[in-house]
Amino acid sequence: MTKVRSKWHPEYAEYVVESTPGLPYGSLVQHFNIVEHNMNYRRRKVQSLLHPDEVVLSLANFPRLGCPDFTFPPTWPDPNNGASCSLFFPDAAITQGHPRSKTVTRNLRERRKEKITINVPIYVDLKTPRPFVEDLAKYGDDGSSVAAAKENHIYMDALGFGMGCSCLQMTIQACNIDEARAIYDHLTPICPIMLALTAASPIFRGYLSDVDCRWGIIAASVDCRTREERGLEPLRNDRFVIPKSRCGSVDCYLSEFGSRYNDIPMVYDKKIEQKLLESKVDKQMAQHMAHLFIRDALCLYFEKIHQDDLREMDHFENIQSTNWQSMRFKVPPINSNIGWRVEFRPCEVQLTDFENAAFGVFIVLLTRAILTFKLNMLITISKVEENMKNCQKRNAVLEQKMWFRRNLFGRDGNKADDVSQMTVSEIINGKGDEFVGLIPLVRQYLGALDMDADTACTISQYLSFISARASGAAMTTATWMRNFVTTHPEYKQDSVVSDGINYDLIIAASEITQGKRNCQELLGGIPKTKTTEDIPKAMKKTIQMTCLDLRKDE
């Protein structure tokens, strides 16, 4: 059997590709030492298919996405025709090889009954016009965009500005449904912390913004709610007033223990809830599933309309896959040995494989520590929501405080208010005797494991980097990009990221990605991991012998 080292899937935009390991990583601690190597292999695989003057980049957002001639070959949007009807984002930039992307784009806009509206606060520099107002008529606006655009904001009008971004996601296997629920719940308050740590999107449509993350832009880009659903008009034709876009932070915890922290009323389809309850699904899960179904399907293939739902799951996945929340609870496919999984979704993709591997490994190690020590990470959903808003602000990792639980070892559900506001560094690194810190907890968990020297070295490098990122000893990608722009000779202190600045920024980013340019301020030093292609042969032999012993016992 040929070993599959990578898998590839088309993404929303023509310039984006989704990559995953060929097979899930294993359960041994040594498997953490192959993650970065596999990422590097996948990057080299893409690079081998490109021309000599082309490079593959892991950018959360291309800084001049939507600017004139941002594609090659040059393409132009048509605000009066096509799927997006955008002033800035041409349909040619949407994936052409699969009908889903364009269909979703068109259906989302038509369901909303107006174009997408995205307004991102502009970063105000010394010479930024005040008020900052663009002349949208030069892009072909008929007047509708002028009404939608806000003063002192960067205006965007297409799904591509959100779904054209890139991210880092981790799918975690659970041993059963209860463990999956626990992982889902306890990672939910971690989402805003990790979003602040991985912030990598300070520039939109060629302007410096006053945010560091893509999350709010994605949420606005997929907001297909009608005016009635947004509460702007009385309900006549629609069923619900829906508080948020179909992309957003988690709306409820899933476990019975977590339910006491659900302090925001959730909109859900009560008929679906009742049907699930009658089928012996518990209340928390029934409400979660019924909440997903307040949204319409965005795309449906004719040949998959008539299905046996006892044998196929396409109808469910059609709804599930277009609810883009910060966490996703993944139901096992029918007739498959794949079990219950949880997807951690907020992280922005980083420039280097080292950074991406570090964050991926950290999240999985944190879940192991949570389960092993029976930790309680839960805070009320309303405070998670507040954190998700604050973590996207400029330099949030250093300047914003996040609500977090003080006593992680307390399982007393009556103390839902056992929280305080902490900096990201205090949450990650600890706060003296007041708070232990997540990295010290992970190190304590690792102390009980049998690790070879190379794996221990690699994981230590990852944890040291994340610690430095939280404390400010290592910059976020967003801060590094912002500093690069504002110190560039061509920058005029007017918030504009010109073609020349952007070109130099991309070259610098590419050199950092390839290891040709040292960037200690971004990486917290010069990483020297000992990541490998596979786990040691001696460990493989141990696994095989263990499996043989188990078979004998059976």
Protein backbone atom coordinates (compact mmCIF):
# COMPACT_ATOMS: atom_id res chain seq x y z
CA MET A 1 0.00 0.00 0.00
CA THR A 2 1.42 3.37 -1.03
CA LYS A 3 1.77 5.83 1.83
CA VAL A 4 -0.34 8.95 1.25
CA ARG A 5 1.51 11.96 2.66
CA SER A 6 -0.84 14.74 1.59
CA LYS A 7 -4.31 15.50 0.28
CA TRP A 8 -5.44 18.52 -1.74
CA HIS A 9 -8.78 20.21 -2.21
CA PRO A 10 -9.87 23.26 -4.21
CA GLU A 11 -10.83 26.27 -2.13
CA TYR A 12 -13.10 29.24 -2.77
CA ALA A 13 -10.55 31.31 -4.70
CA GLU A 14 -8.45 30.36 -7.72
CA TYR A 15 -5.28 31.37 -5.88
CA VAL A 16 -5.96 29.23 -2.79
CA VAL A 17 -5.53 25.50 -2.23
CA GLU A 18 -6.44 23.50 0.86
CA SER A 19 -3.89 21.00 2.09
CA THR A 20 -4.20 18.31 4.76
CA PRO A 21 -2.02 15.38 5.83
CA GLY A 22 -2.70 12.26 3.79
CA LEU A 23 -3.72 10.41 6.94
CA PRO A 24 -4.46 11.59 10.48
CA TYR A 25 -1.47 11.83 12.79
CA GLY A 26 -1.21 9.04 15.35
CA SER A 27 -1.81 9.00 19.09
CA LEU A 28 1.79 8.88 20.31
CA VAL A 29 3.60 11.94 21.57
CA GLN A 30 6.25 11.24 18.93
CA HIS A 31 3.71 12.08 16.23
CA PHE A 32 3.98 15.73 17.26
CA ASN A 33 7.48 15.65 15.81
CA ILE A 34 6.34 14.94 12.25
CA VAL A 35 3.75 17.73 11.90
CA GLU A 36 6.14 20.47 10.79
CA HIS A 37 7.96 18.13 8.41
CA ASN A 38 4.67 17.17 6.75
CA MET A 39 3.72 20.84 6.39
CA ASN A 40 7.09 21.51 4.77
CA TYR A 41 6.64 18.55 2.44
CA ARG A 42 3.25 19.85 1.32
CA ARG A 43 4.65 23.34 0.73
CA ARG A 44 7.47 21.90 -1.41
CA LYS A 45 4.94 19.82 -3.33
CA VAL A 46 3.01 22.94 -4.39
CA GLN A 47 6.21 24.87 -5.10
CA SER A 48 7.39 22.12 -7.46
CA LEU A 49 4.38 22.81 -9.70
CA LEU A 50 5.01 26.56 -9.99
CA HIS A 51 7.17 28.58 -12.34
CA PRO A 52 10.60 29.80 -11.20
CA ASP A 53 9.24 33.32 -10.55
CA GLU A 54 6.26 32.05 -8.50
CA VAL A 55 6.12 31.18 -4.81
CA VAL A 56 3.57 29.56 -2.54
CA LEU A 57 2.73 31.75 0.46
CA SER A 58 0.68 31.10 3.57
CA LEU A 59 -0.85 34.56 3.88
CA ALA A 60 -4.03 35.06 5.88
CA ASN A 61 -5.03 37.80 3.44
CA PHE A 62 -3.35 39.18 0.34
CA PRO A 63 -2.86 42.87 1.23
CA ARG A 64 -4.09 44.26 -2.09
CA LEU A 65 -6.95 41.82 -2.61
CA GLY A 66 -9.58 43.70 -4.60
CA CYS A 67 -7.23 46.41 -5.88
CA PRO A 68 -6.94 47.01 -9.65
CA ASP A 69 -4.84 44.32 -11.34
CA PHE A 70 -4.37 42.21 -8.20
CA THR A 71 -4.71 39.05 -10.32
CA PHE A 72 -2.42 37.62 -12.98
CA PRO A 73 -3.33 37.71 -15.74
CA PRO A 74 -5.22 40.95 -15.02
CA THR A 75 -8.99 40.58 -14.68
CA TRP A 76 -11.70 43.14 -13.97
CA PRO A 77 -14.92 42.95 -11.95
CA ASP A 78 -18.34 43.64 -13.43
CA PRO A 79 -20.60 45.33 -10.86
CA ASN A 80 -23.68 44.72 -13.03
CA ASN A 81 -23.27 41.03 -13.87
CA GLY A 82 -21.93 37.75 -12.59
CA ALA A 83 -21.97 35.99 -9.24
CA SER A 84 -20.54 38.74 -7.02
CA CYS A 85 -21.56 41.93 -8.87
CA SER A 86 -18.60 43.41 -7.01
CA LEU A 87 -16.90 46.74 -7.63
CA PHE A 88 -13.54 45.20 -6.75
CA PHE A 89 -13.48 41.37 -6.74
CA PRO A 90 -13.72 39.79 -10.23
CA ASP A 91 -15.57 36.52 -10.72
CA ALA A 92 -12.44 35.23 -12.47
CA ALA A 93 -10.76 35.06 -9.03
CA ILE A 94 -13.42 32.59 -7.86
CA THR A 95 -12.54 28.92 -8.37
CA GLN A 96 -13.54 27.99 -11.90
CA GLY A 97 -13.12 24.20 -11.78
CA HIS A 98 -16.03 23.49 -9.44
CA PRO A 99 -19.52 25.02 -9.57
CA ARG A 100 -19.95 25.31 -5.78
CA SER A 101 -18.00 28.53 -5.18
CA LYS A 102 -19.78 30.63 -7.79
CA THR A 103 -23.15 29.12 -6.91
CA VAL A 104 -22.72 29.92 -3.22
CA THR A 105 -21.60 33.45 -4.13
CA ARG A 106 -24.66 34.11 -6.26
CA ASN A 107 -27.15 32.41 -3.94
CA LEU A 108 -25.84 34.19 -0.86
CA ARG A 109 -26.18 37.60 -2.52
CA GLU A 110 -29.62 36.82 -3.95
CA ARG A 111 -30.90 35.46 -0.65
CA ARG A 112 -29.76 38.63 1.11
CA LYS A 113 -31.49 40.64 -1.66
CA GLU A 114 -28.59 43.09 -1.75
CA LYS A 115 -24.83 43.03 -2.14
CA ILE A 116 -22.52 41.98 0.65
CA THR A 117 -21.49 44.86 2.91
CA ILE A 118 -18.15 44.79 4.72
CA ASN A 119 -16.85 47.86 6.57
CA VAL A 120 -13.49 47.66 8.34
CA PRO A 121 -12.23 50.64 10.38
CA ILE A 122 -9.24 52.27 8.73
CA TYR A 123 -6.00 52.84 10.61
CA VAL A 124 -5.71 56.60 11.04
CA ASP A 125 -2.16 57.82 10.40
CA LEU A 126 -0.84 61.39 10.29
CA LYS A 127 -1.91 62.03 6.70
CA THR A 128 -4.95 59.76 6.43
CA PRO A 129 -7.86 61.86 5.06
CA ARG A 130 -10.43 62.77 7.71
CA PRO A 131 -13.06 61.82 7.10
CA PHE A 132 -11.84 58.92 4.98
CA VAL A 133 -14.39 58.56 2.16
CA GLU A 134 -13.70 56.85 -1.17
CA ASP A 135 -15.07 57.90 -4.53
CA LEU A 136 -16.81 54.65 -5.43
CA ALA A 137 -18.26 56.04 -8.65
CA LYS A 138 -14.89 55.52 -10.35
CA TYR A 139 -15.35 51.78 -9.80
CA GLY A 140 -18.77 51.81 -11.47
CA ASP A 141 -20.99 52.22 -8.40
CA ASP A 142 -24.61 53.04 -9.15
CA GLY A 143 -25.10 54.68 -5.76
CA SER A 144 -26.00 51.60 -3.73
CA SER A 145 -22.47 51.11 -2.43
CA VAL A 146 -22.18 54.73 -1.33
CA ALA A 147 -25.14 54.12 0.95
CA ALA A 148 -23.58 50.94 2.34
CA ALA A 149 -20.06 52.27 2.87
CA LYS A 150 -19.25 53.93 6.20
CA GLU A 151 -17.03 56.96 6.74
CA ASN A 152 -13.54 56.15 8.00
CA HIS A 153 -13.94 52.52 6.97
CA ILE A 154 -12.48 50.34 4.22
CA TYR A 155 -15.44 49.18 2.14
CA MET A 156 -15.67 45.73 0.52
CA ASP A 157 -18.63 44.10 -1.19
CA ALA A 158 -18.07 40.44 -2.02
CA LEU A 159 -17.86 36.98 -0.51
CA GLY A 160 -14.33 36.70 -1.90
CA PHE A 161 -12.99 39.22 0.62
CA GLY A 162 -13.77 36.72 3.38
CA MET A 163 -13.63 33.31 1.75
CA GLY A 164 -10.57 34.46 -0.18
CA CYS A 165 -8.64 34.53 3.11
CA SER A 166 -6.63 31.60 4.47
CA CYS A 167 -6.48 30.00 7.89
CA LEU A 168 -5.03 27.23 10.03
CA GLN A 169 -7.50 24.64 11.31
CA MET A 170 -7.06 21.56 13.50
CA THR A 171 -9.38 18.55 13.61
CA ILE A 172 -9.14 16.54 16.82
CA GLN A 173 -10.30 12.94 17.14
CA ALA A 174 -12.22 12.01 20.29
CA CYS A 175 -12.70 8.52 21.67
CA ASN A 176 -16.46 8.97 22.10
CA ILE A 177 -19.22 11.57 21.93
CA ASP A 178 -18.80 12.65 25.55
CA GLU A 179 -15.11 13.38 25.07
CA ALA A 180 -15.89 15.25 21.85
CA ARG A 181 -18.38 17.44 23.70
CA ALA A 182 -15.86 18.12 26.45
CA ILE A 183 -13.17 19.12 23.94
CA TYR A 184 -15.64 21.33 22.05
CA ASP A 185 -16.76 23.10 25.20
CA HIS A 186 -13.40 23.65 26.85
CA LEU A 187 -11.71 24.85 23.66
CA THR A 188 -14.46 27.39 22.97
CA PRO A 189 -13.05 29.99 25.44
CA ILE A 190 -9.59 29.38 23.93
CA CYS A 191 -10.71 30.56 20.45
CA PRO A 192 -10.29 34.33 21.03
CA ILE A 193 -6.96 33.78 22.79
CA MET A 194 -5.57 31.88 19.80
CA LEU A 195 -7.02 34.37 17.33
CA ALA A 196 -5.14 37.19 19.09
CA LEU A 197 -1.93 35.13 19.14
CA THR A 198 -2.13 34.27 15.43
CA ALA A 199 -3.30 37.70 14.20
CA ALA A 200 -2.03 38.11 10.64
CA SER A 201 -4.45 40.35 8.68
CA PRO A 202 -3.86 44.08 9.17
CA ILE A 203 -4.33 45.15 5.53
CA PHE A 204 -7.46 45.06 3.38
CA ARG A 205 -7.92 46.30 -0.19
CA GLY A 206 -4.57 48.11 -0.08
CA TYR A 207 -5.24 50.04 3.15
CA LEU A 208 -3.93 49.61 6.67
CA SER A 209 -6.89 48.77 8.87
CA ASP A 210 -7.45 49.22 12.59
CA VAL A 211 -7.94 45.47 13.09
CA ASP A 212 -5.41 42.64 13.00
CA CYS A 213 -7.62 39.66 12.09
CA ARG A 214 -9.79 38.40 9.24
CA TRP A 215 -12.59 36.98 11.42
CA GLY A 216 -15.04 39.89 11.31
CA ILE A 217 -14.46 40.30 7.58
CA ILE A 218 -15.38 36.65 6.94
CA ALA A 219 -18.48 37.01 9.10
CA ALA A 220 -19.67 40.01 7.09
CA SER A 221 -18.78 38.37 3.77
CA VAL A 222 -21.10 35.38 4.35
CA ASP A 223 -23.93 37.31 5.97
CA CYS A 224 -26.89 36.17 3.87
CA ARG A 225 -29.53 37.34 6.36
CA THR A 226 -32.39 39.34 4.89
CA ARG A 227 -33.43 42.66 6.36
CA GLU A 228 -36.16 40.86 8.29
CA GLU A 229 -33.68 38.36 9.72
CA ARG A 230 -31.37 41.20 10.71
CA GLY A 231 -34.23 42.83 12.61
CA LEU A 232 -34.37 45.85 10.31
CA GLU A 233 -37.94 45.10 9.20
CA PRO A 234 -40.83 43.19 10.86
CA LEU A 235 -40.97 39.44 10.17
CA ARG A 236 -43.35 38.76 7.30
CA ASN A 237 -41.69 36.29 4.96
CA ASP A 238 -38.91 34.92 7.16
CA ARG A 239 -39.09 32.74 10.27
CA PHE A 240 -36.50 34.16 12.66
CA VAL A 241 -34.63 37.28 13.69
CA ILE A 242 -31.05 35.97 13.69
CA PRO A 243 -28.48 37.91 15.74
CA LYS A 244 -25.36 36.91 13.79
CA SER A 245 -24.01 35.91 10.40
CA ARG A 246 -23.57 32.25 9.57
CA CYS A 247 -19.90 32.75 10.42
CA GLY A 248 -19.24 33.67 14.02
CA SER A 249 -18.26 32.49 17.46
CA VAL A 250 -19.92 29.49 19.10
CA ASP A 251 -23.42 30.18 20.41
CA CYS A 252 -23.69 27.44 23.04
CA TYR A 253 -21.80 24.75 24.92
CA LEU A 254 -22.80 21.16 24.14
CA SER A 255 -22.30 19.19 27.34
CA GLU A 256 -24.70 19.02 30.24
CA PHE A 257 -22.03 20.56 32.48
CA GLY A 258 -21.48 23.37 29.97
CA SER A 259 -25.17 24.20 29.64
CA ARG A 260 -25.11 26.26 32.86
CA TYR A 261 -22.74 28.71 31.13
CA ASN A 262 -25.12 29.29 28.19
CA ASP A 263 -26.33 32.74 29.17
CA ILE A 264 -27.30 34.10 25.73
CA PRO A 265 -30.74 33.13 24.35
CA MET A 266 -30.19 31.01 21.25
CA VAL A 267 -32.37 31.03 18.15
CA TYR A 268 -33.28 27.52 17.03
CA ASP A 269 -35.98 25.68 15.10
CA LYS A 270 -38.29 24.32 17.81
CA LYS A 271 -39.90 21.77 15.48
CA ILE A 272 -36.53 20.22 14.73
CA GLU A 273 -35.64 20.32 18.43
CA GLN A 274 -38.85 18.48 19.29
CA LYS A 275 -38.24 15.83 16.65
CA LEU A 276 -34.74 15.22 18.01
CA LEU A 277 -35.97 15.07 21.60
CA GLU A 278 -38.56 12.48 20.57
CA SER A 279 -35.71 10.49 19.03
CA LYS A 280 -33.91 10.41 22.42
CA VAL A 281 -31.36 13.12 21.59
CA ASP A 282 -30.59 15.12 24.73
CA LYS A 283 -31.63 18.76 25.04
CA GLN A 284 -28.17 20.35 24.59
CA MET A 285 -27.43 18.47 21.37
CA ALA A 286 -30.98 18.87 20.09
CA GLN A 287 -30.80 22.65 20.47
CA HIS A 288 -27.36 22.79 18.83
CA MET A 289 -28.59 20.87 15.78
CA ALA A 290 -31.84 22.85 15.63
CA HIS A 291 -29.77 26.04 15.76
CA LEU A 292 -27.84 25.00 12.65
CA PHE A 293 -31.11 24.60 10.76
CA ILE A 294 -32.27 28.20 11.15
CA ARG A 295 -30.11 28.75 8.05
CA ASP A 296 -31.08 27.83 4.51
CA ALA A 297 -28.84 25.68 2.36
CA LEU A 298 -26.66 27.83 0.12
CA CYS A 299 -25.99 25.23 -2.56
CA LEU A 300 -27.74 22.01 -3.53
CA TYR A 301 -26.81 19.64 -6.34
CA PHE A 302 -29.69 18.33 -8.43
CA GLU A 303 -28.42 14.75 -8.39
CA LYS A 304 -28.27 14.76 -4.58
CA ILE A 305 -31.76 16.07 -3.85
CA HIS A 306 -33.36 12.64 -3.40
CA GLN A 307 -31.40 10.62 -0.87
CA ASP A 308 -31.91 7.96 1.77
CA ASP A 309 -30.93 9.86 4.90
CA LEU A 310 -30.30 6.56 6.70
CA ARG A 311 -27.50 5.80 4.25
CA GLU A 312 -26.17 9.23 3.24
CA MET A 313 -25.46 12.48 5.10
CA ASP A 314 -25.25 15.03 2.29
CA HIS A 315 -28.38 16.89 3.40
CA PHE A 316 -27.02 17.36 6.92
CA GLU A 317 -23.49 18.22 5.76
CA ASN A 318 -24.93 20.78 3.33
CA ILE A 319 -26.16 22.76 6.34
CA GLN A 320 -23.32 21.86 8.71
CA SER A 321 -20.58 22.89 6.27
CA THR A 322 -22.06 26.34 5.69
CA ASN A 323 -22.29 27.20 9.38
CA TRP A 324 -18.77 28.55 9.82
CA GLN A 325 -18.38 28.88 13.58
CA SER A 326 -15.20 29.13 15.65
CA MET A 327 -15.67 25.47 16.62
CA ARG A 328 -17.34 22.69 14.66
CA PHE A 329 -18.77 19.49 16.13
CA LYS A 330 -18.30 16.77 13.52
CA VAL A 331 -20.71 13.84 13.47
CA PRO A 332 -19.25 10.47 12.32
CA PRO A 333 -20.03 9.70 8.68
CA ILE A 334 -22.48 6.86 8.07
CA ASN A 335 -20.89 3.45 7.43
CA SER A 336 -17.44 4.67 8.42
CA ASN A 337 -14.95 3.89 11.16
CA ILE A 338 -14.32 7.62 11.63
CA GLY A 339 -15.48 8.64 15.07
CA TRP A 340 -16.57 11.86 16.77
CA ARG A 341 -14.33 14.82 15.92
CA VAL A 342 -13.99 18.47 16.85
CA GLU A 343 -12.62 21.17 14.57
CA PHE A 344 -10.77 24.17 16.01
CA ARG A 345 -11.23 26.96 13.46
CA PRO A 346 -10.21 30.50 14.54
CA CYS A 347 -6.43 30.57 13.90
CA GLU A 348 -4.91 32.70 11.17
CA VAL A 349 -2.34 30.98 9.00
CA GLN A 350 1.29 31.94 9.67
CA LEU A 351 4.20 32.59 7.32
CA THR A 352 6.33 29.60 8.36
CA ASP A 353 5.74 25.90 8.86
CA PHE A 354 7.38 26.25 12.28
CA GLU A 355 4.71 28.70 13.48
CA ASN A 356 1.81 26.73 12.01
CA ALA A 357 3.07 23.47 13.51
CA ALA A 358 3.63 25.16 16.88
CA PHE A 359 0.04 26.36 17.14
CA GLY A 360 -1.39 23.06 15.92
CA VAL A 361 0.68 21.01 18.36
CA PHE A 362 -0.12 23.37 21.24
CA ILE A 363 -3.89 23.08 20.77
CA VAL A 364 -3.80 19.28 20.71
CA LEU A 365 -1.50 19.15 23.75
CA LEU A 366 -3.84 21.53 25.55
CA THR A 367 -6.79 19.19 24.93
CA ARG A 368 -4.74 16.33 26.40
CA ALA A 369 -3.96 18.41 29.48
CA ILE A 370 -7.61 19.44 29.85
CA LEU A 371 -8.81 15.84 29.74
CA THR A 372 -5.99 14.44 31.89
CA PHE A 373 -6.26 17.02 34.67
CA LYS A 374 -10.06 17.36 34.31
CA LEU A 375 -9.72 21.11 33.89
CA ASN A 376 -12.62 23.54 33.68
CA MET A 377 -12.02 26.27 31.07
CA LEU A 378 -15.65 27.37 30.85
CA ILE A 379 -16.82 30.95 31.16
CA THR A 380 -20.21 32.28 30.13
CA ILE A 381 -20.86 32.40 26.39
CA SER A 382 -21.50 36.16 26.61
CA LYS A 383 -17.93 36.68 27.85
CA VAL A 384 -16.54 34.46 25.08
CA GLU A 385 -18.47 36.66 22.63
CA GLU A 386 -16.98 39.80 24.17
CA ASN A 387 -13.49 38.29 23.93
CA MET A 388 -14.04 37.43 20.25
CA LYS A 389 -14.75 41.08 19.51
CA ASN A 390 -11.79 42.43 21.48
CA CYS A 391 -9.22 39.90 20.27
CA GLN A 392 -9.44 41.23 16.70
CA LYS A 393 -8.46 44.78 17.61
CA ARG A 394 -5.08 46.20 16.65
CA ASN A 395 -2.32 44.74 18.83
CA ALA A 396 -4.90 42.92 20.96
CA VAL A 397 -2.35 40.34 22.08
CA LEU A 398 -0.65 43.03 24.16
CA GLU A 399 -3.26 45.74 24.67
CA GLN A 400 -6.55 43.90 25.29
CA LYS A 401 -7.62 41.97 28.35
CA MET A 402 -9.71 38.83 27.98
CA TRP A 403 -12.17 37.23 30.34
CA PHE A 404 -10.79 33.91 31.57
CA ARG A 405 -11.47 31.46 34.33
CA ARG A 406 -9.35 31.96 37.46
CA ASN A 407 -9.54 28.44 38.91
CA LEU A 408 -9.15 25.86 36.16
CA PHE A 409 -9.36 22.99 38.63
CA GLY A 410 -12.78 24.00 39.96
CA ARG A 411 -15.78 22.06 38.65
CA ASP A 412 -18.35 23.91 40.77
CA GLY A 413 -20.98 24.93 38.26
CA ASN A 414 -22.45 27.46 40.67
CA LYS A 415 -19.36 29.61 40.28
CA ALA A 416 -19.88 30.65 36.67
CA ASP A 417 -18.63 34.10 37.63
CA ASP A 418 -15.21 32.80 38.78
CA VAL A 419 -13.53 34.88 36.07
CA SER A 420 -11.32 37.90 35.71
CA GLN A 421 -9.81 39.89 32.86
CA MET A 422 -6.25 38.92 32.02
CA THR A 423 -3.76 39.74 29.31
CA VAL A 424 -3.00 37.05 26.75
CA SER A 425 0.45 36.66 28.31
CA GLU A 426 -1.07 36.05 31.74
CA ILE A 427 -3.42 33.43 30.30
CA ILE A 428 -0.66 31.67 28.36
CA ASN A 429 2.32 32.11 30.68
CA GLY A 430 0.66 32.47 34.07
CA LYS A 431 0.24 35.23 36.62
CA GLY A 432 2.31 34.29 39.64
CA ASP A 433 0.26 32.60 42.34
CA GLU A 434 -2.98 33.98 40.93
CA PHE A 435 -3.14 31.91 37.73
CA VAL A 436 -1.15 28.89 36.62
CA GLY A 437 -1.01 29.59 32.85
CA LEU A 438 -1.76 27.25 29.95
CA ILE A 439 1.84 26.55 28.92
CA PRO A 440 2.89 25.54 32.46
CA LEU A 441 -0.09 23.15 32.47
CA VAL A 442 0.97 21.65 29.15
CA ARG A 443 4.55 21.30 30.41
CA GLN A 444 3.23 19.55 33.52
CA TYR A 445 1.29 17.15 31.32
CA LEU A 446 4.35 16.48 29.16
CA GLY A 447 6.44 15.76 32.24
CA ALA A 448 4.63 12.48 32.75
CA LEU A 449 5.24 11.28 29.18
CA ASP A 450 8.08 9.22 27.79
CA MET A 451 9.59 11.35 25.02
CA ASP A 452 12.66 10.87 22.89
CA ALA A 453 15.15 13.74 22.81
CA ASP A 454 14.21 15.00 19.34
CA THR A 455 10.47 15.18 20.14
CA ALA A 456 11.16 16.89 23.46
CA CYS A 457 13.38 19.45 21.70
CA THR A 458 10.78 20.21 19.04
CA ILE A 459 7.88 20.61 21.46
CA SER A 460 9.99 22.77 23.76
CA GLN A 461 10.77 25.06 20.83
CA TYR A 462 7.07 25.35 20.02
CA LEU A 463 6.06 26.20 23.57
CA SER A 464 8.87 28.73 23.95
CA PHE A 465 7.77 30.44 20.75
CA ILE A 466 4.12 30.66 21.84
CA SER A 467 5.23 31.98 25.22
CA ALA A 468 7.28 34.67 23.47
CA ARG A 469 4.41 35.54 21.14
CA ALA A 470 2.08 36.00 24.12
CA SER A 471 4.52 38.17 26.07
CA GLY A 472 5.42 40.37 23.09
CA ALA A 473 8.99 39.08 22.82
CA ALA A 474 7.89 37.80 19.39
CA MET A 475 5.65 39.93 17.19
CA THR A 476 2.40 38.73 15.70
CA THR A 477 2.43 38.50 11.90
CA ALA A 478 0.01 41.45 11.85
CA THR A 479 2.38 43.64 13.87
CA TRP A 480 5.34 42.63 11.71
CA MET A 481 3.42 43.48 8.52
CA ARG A 482 2.18 46.77 9.95
CA ASN A 483 5.70 47.78 10.99
CA PHE A 484 7.08 46.78 7.58
CA VAL A 485 4.58 49.06 5.84
CA THR A 486 4.89 52.08 8.14
CA THR A 487 8.70 52.05 7.95
CA HIS A 488 8.87 51.52 4.18
CA PRO A 489 10.47 54.45 2.27
CA GLU A 490 7.48 54.62 -0.08
CA TYR A 491 4.90 54.91 2.70
CA LYS A 492 3.34 58.38 2.96
CA GLN A 493 1.67 58.04 6.40
CA ASP A 494 -1.72 57.99 4.63
CA SER A 495 -2.75 54.36 5.37
CA VAL A 496 -2.18 53.37 1.72
CA VAL A 497 -0.27 50.17 0.95
CA SER A 498 0.93 50.82 -2.59
CA ASP A 499 1.96 48.27 -5.21
CA GLY A 500 5.61 48.93 -4.45
CA ILE A 501 5.21 48.49 -0.70
CA ASN A 502 3.14 45.38 -1.23
CA TYR A 503 5.72 43.86 -3.58
CA ASP A 504 8.53 44.34 -1.09
CA LEU A 505 6.34 43.00 1.71
CA ILE A 506 5.56 39.84 -0.26
CA ILE A 507 9.23 39.32 -1.12
CA ALA A 508 10.17 39.67 2.56
CA ALA A 509 7.38 37.29 3.59
CA SER A 510 8.52 34.75 0.99
CA GLU A 511 12.12 34.93 2.18
CA ILE A 512 11.02 34.37 5.79
CA THR A 513 8.88 31.40 4.71
CA GLN A 514 11.81 29.85 2.85
CA GLY A 515 14.29 30.49 5.66
CA LYS A 516 16.34 32.88 3.53
CA ARG A 517 15.67 35.83 5.83
CA ASN A 518 16.14 35.70 9.59
CA CYS A 519 13.24 37.33 11.37
CA GLN A 520 13.90 36.88 15.06
CA GLU A 521 11.38 39.57 15.97
CA LEU A 522 8.64 37.41 14.40
CA LEU A 523 9.80 33.97 15.50
CA GLY A 524 11.22 34.79 18.93
CA GLY A 525 14.73 33.70 17.94
CA ILE A 526 16.01 31.27 15.33
CA PRO A 527 14.06 27.99 15.71
CA LYS A 528 16.03 24.75 15.54
CA THR A 529 13.44 22.00 15.72
CA LYS A 530 14.35 18.38 15.10
CA THR A 531 11.20 17.51 13.21
CA THR A 532 11.31 14.32 11.14
CA GLU A 533 9.46 12.60 8.32
CA ASP A 534 8.22 9.79 10.51
CA ILE A 535 8.33 8.55 14.08
CA PRO A 536 11.50 6.59 15.01
CA LYS A 537 11.73 3.00 13.78
CA ALA A 538 12.21 1.79 17.33
CA MET A 539 8.91 3.38 18.28
CA LYS A 540 7.23 1.77 15.27
CA LYS A 541 8.49 -1.60 16.45
CA THR A 542 7.08 -0.95 19.91
CA ILE A 543 3.69 -0.12 18.41
CA GLN A 544 3.69 -3.29 16.32
CA MET A 545 4.63 -5.44 19.31
CA THR A 546 1.88 -3.81 21.40
CA CYS A 547 -0.68 -4.51 18.68
CA LEU A 548 0.43 -8.17 18.53
CA ASP A 549 0.08 -8.51 22.29
CA LEU A 550 -3.41 -7.04 22.12
CA ARG A 551 -4.41 -9.52 19.44
CA LYS A 552 -3.19 -12.37 21.67
CA ASP A 553 -5.32 -11.06 24.53
CA GLU A 554 -8.35 -11.03 22.25
